[in-house]
Each structure stands twice: as C-alpha cells, then as structure tokens.
Amino acid sequence: MLFKTAAVAWKSLPTWYLLSQNDRIIPPETQQMLANRMKATTISVVSSYVSIVSHSF
C-alpha cells in the first residue's frame, strides 16, 4: 500500500552543513554550492573529508 505525503520535512526544517576546507574528495566550492542549494547554515572548518569525526563541537 502506498501513502501520499502532505508535506516533506526537509523543505521546512532548518539544516546545517559542515564544510571541510581541506577536503580532497568533495571540493569546498562544491560543498558550498550544495549548502547554498539546501539553504543550510554553514560552519567551515580547516579539516579533511572526515571533519565530522575529527572536530567535536
């Protein structure tokens, strides 16, 4: 059975993006473009791809 949704949460809930400045897999410019497209609050750190692991807030 399929159900239709009235609204999707990701369109109305706030979002955040942790931008890794030294990422060699996803360029920082691409990360910024994705964050802007998501309308996310961006936090930038000097870190590699695994910044979520190496930077505890």
N, C-alpha and C. Protein backbone atom coordinates (compact mmCIF):
# COMPACT_ATOMS: atom_id res chain seq x y z
N MET A 1 0.84 -1.17 0.00
CA MET A 1 0.00 0.00 0.00
C MET A 1 0.89 1.24 0.00
N LEU A 2 0.58 2.20 -0.82
CA LEU A 2 1.33 3.45 -0.91
C LEU A 2 0.55 4.57 -0.25
N PHE A 3 1.29 5.43 0.42
CA PHE A 3 0.69 6.59 1.07
C PHE A 3 1.29 7.85 0.48
N LYS A 4 0.50 8.85 0.23
CA LYS A 4 1.00 10.14 -0.25
C LYS A 4 1.24 11.04 0.95
N THR A 5 2.32 11.78 0.88
CA THR A 5 2.64 12.72 1.95
C THR A 5 2.08 14.10 1.63
N ALA A 6 1.66 14.76 2.67
CA ALA A 6 1.14 16.12 2.50
C ALA A 6 2.27 17.13 2.37
N ALA A 7 3.35 16.91 3.12
CA ALA A 7 4.49 17.83 3.08
C ALA A 7 5.76 17.04 3.43
N VAL A 8 6.87 17.49 2.90
CA VAL A 8 8.15 16.85 3.21
C VAL A 8 8.90 17.70 4.23
N ALA A 9 9.46 17.07 5.24
CA ALA A 9 10.09 17.79 6.34
C ALA A 9 11.32 18.58 5.92
N TRP A 10 12.10 18.06 4.96
CA TRP A 10 13.34 18.73 4.61
C TRP A 10 13.12 20.09 3.97
N LYS A 11 11.91 20.37 3.53
CA LYS A 11 11.64 21.69 2.95
C LYS A 11 11.36 22.75 4.01
N SER A 12 10.98 22.33 5.22
CA SER A 12 10.60 23.32 6.23
C SER A 12 11.48 23.31 7.47
N LEU A 13 12.26 22.25 7.70
CA LEU A 13 13.12 22.19 8.88
C LEU A 13 14.46 22.85 8.60
N PRO A 14 15.09 23.47 9.60
CA PRO A 14 16.41 24.08 9.39
C PRO A 14 17.47 23.00 9.15
N THR A 15 18.47 23.34 8.36
CA THR A 15 19.56 22.41 8.06
C THR A 15 20.90 23.07 8.30
N TRP A 16 21.92 22.26 8.55
CA TRP A 16 23.28 22.72 8.76
C TRP A 16 24.20 21.93 7.87
N TYR A 17 25.34 22.55 7.51
CA TYR A 17 26.33 21.89 6.68
C TYR A 17 27.71 22.19 7.25
N LEU A 18 28.49 21.15 7.51
CA LEU A 18 29.86 21.28 7.98
C LEU A 18 30.78 21.22 6.77
N LEU A 19 31.32 22.37 6.38
CA LEU A 19 32.16 22.47 5.20
C LEU A 19 33.61 22.20 5.59
N SER A 20 34.22 21.21 4.94
CA SER A 20 35.62 20.84 5.21
C SER A 20 36.52 21.51 4.18
N GLN A 21 37.32 22.46 4.64
CA GLN A 21 38.14 23.27 3.73
C GLN A 21 39.26 22.48 3.05
N ASN A 22 39.78 21.43 3.69
CA ASN A 22 40.89 20.66 3.10
C ASN A 22 40.43 19.33 2.52
N ASP A 23 39.18 19.25 2.16
CA ASP A 23 38.62 18.03 1.58
C ASP A 23 39.18 17.83 0.18
N ARG A 24 39.74 16.64 -0.09
CA ARG A 24 40.26 16.35 -1.42
C ARG A 24 39.30 15.47 -2.22
N ILE A 25 38.20 15.07 -1.61
CA ILE A 25 37.22 14.23 -2.30
C ILE A 25 36.10 15.11 -2.88
N ILE A 26 35.51 15.95 -2.03
CA ILE A 26 34.48 16.89 -2.50
C ILE A 26 35.06 18.29 -2.34
N PRO A 27 35.32 18.98 -3.43
CA PRO A 27 35.93 20.31 -3.34
C PRO A 27 35.07 21.26 -2.49
N PRO A 28 35.73 22.13 -1.72
CA PRO A 28 34.99 23.08 -0.88
C PRO A 28 33.99 23.92 -1.67
N GLU A 29 34.30 24.26 -2.91
CA GLU A 29 33.38 25.04 -3.73
C GLU A 29 32.09 24.26 -3.98
N THR A 30 32.23 22.97 -4.22
CA THR A 30 31.05 22.11 -4.44
C THR A 30 30.26 21.98 -3.16
N GLN A 31 30.95 21.82 -2.03
CA GLN A 31 30.26 21.75 -0.74
C GLN A 31 29.46 23.02 -0.50
N GLN A 32 30.06 24.18 -0.80
CA GLN A 32 29.37 25.46 -0.59
C GLN A 32 28.15 25.56 -1.48
N MET A 33 28.27 25.11 -2.73
CA MET A 33 27.15 25.13 -3.65
C MET A 33 26.01 24.26 -3.13
N LEU A 34 26.34 23.07 -2.61
CA LEU A 34 25.32 22.18 -2.06
C LEU A 34 24.66 22.79 -0.82
N ALA A 35 25.47 23.38 0.04
CA ALA A 35 24.92 24.03 1.24
C ALA A 35 23.99 25.18 0.88
N ASN A 36 24.38 25.96 -0.13
CA ASN A 36 23.53 27.08 -0.57
C ASN A 36 22.22 26.56 -1.15
N ARG A 37 22.30 25.49 -1.91
CA ARG A 37 21.10 24.91 -2.51
C ARG A 37 20.14 24.38 -1.44
N MET A 38 20.73 23.88 -0.33
CA MET A 38 19.92 23.38 0.79
C MET A 38 19.42 24.51 1.68
N LYS A 39 19.94 25.73 1.44
CA LYS A 39 19.65 26.87 2.32
C LYS A 39 20.07 26.54 3.75
N ALA A 40 21.25 25.93 3.87
CA ALA A 40 21.76 25.47 5.16
C ALA A 40 22.61 26.54 5.83
N THR A 41 22.61 26.49 7.16
CA THR A 41 23.56 27.27 7.94
C THR A 41 24.90 26.54 7.82
N THR A 42 25.94 27.25 7.40
CA THR A 42 27.23 26.62 7.12
C THR A 42 28.24 26.92 8.20
N ILE A 43 28.93 25.89 8.64
CA ILE A 43 30.07 26.01 9.55
C ILE A 43 31.27 25.48 8.78
N SER A 44 32.33 26.28 8.70
CA SER A 44 33.52 25.91 7.95
C SER A 44 34.66 25.58 8.91
N VAL A 45 35.32 24.44 8.67
CA VAL A 45 36.46 24.04 9.49
C VAL A 45 37.64 23.69 8.59
N VAL A 46 38.85 23.90 9.12
CA VAL A 46 40.06 23.51 8.40
C VAL A 46 40.29 22.05 8.73
N SER A 47 39.83 21.19 7.83
CA SER A 47 39.89 19.76 8.08
C SER A 47 39.76 19.02 6.76
N SER A 48 40.04 17.71 6.83
CA SER A 48 39.90 16.87 5.65
C SER A 48 38.46 16.36 5.54
N TYR A 49 38.27 15.35 4.72
CA TYR A 49 36.96 14.79 4.43
C TYR A 49 36.21 14.31 5.67
N VAL A 50 36.91 13.83 6.68
CA VAL A 50 36.26 13.26 7.87
C VAL A 50 36.15 14.28 9.00
N SER A 51 35.84 15.52 8.68
CA SER A 51 35.77 16.58 9.69
C SER A 51 34.74 16.29 10.78
N ILE A 52 33.68 15.61 10.44
CA ILE A 52 32.66 15.29 11.45
C ILE A 52 33.23 14.37 12.54
N VAL A 53 34.25 13.60 12.20
CA VAL A 53 34.90 12.72 13.18
C VAL A 53 35.99 13.46 13.94
N SER A 54 36.78 14.26 13.24
CA SER A 54 37.93 14.90 13.87
C SER A 54 37.61 16.19 14.62
N HIS A 55 36.42 16.76 14.41
CA HIS A 55 36.04 18.00 15.09
C HIS A 55 34.77 17.78 15.89
N SER A 56 34.92 17.66 17.17
CA SER A 56 33.75 17.52 18.06
C SER A 56 33.37 18.90 18.55
N PHE A 57 32.13 19.24 18.42
CA PHE A 57 31.66 20.56 18.84
C PHE A 57 30.92 20.46 20.12
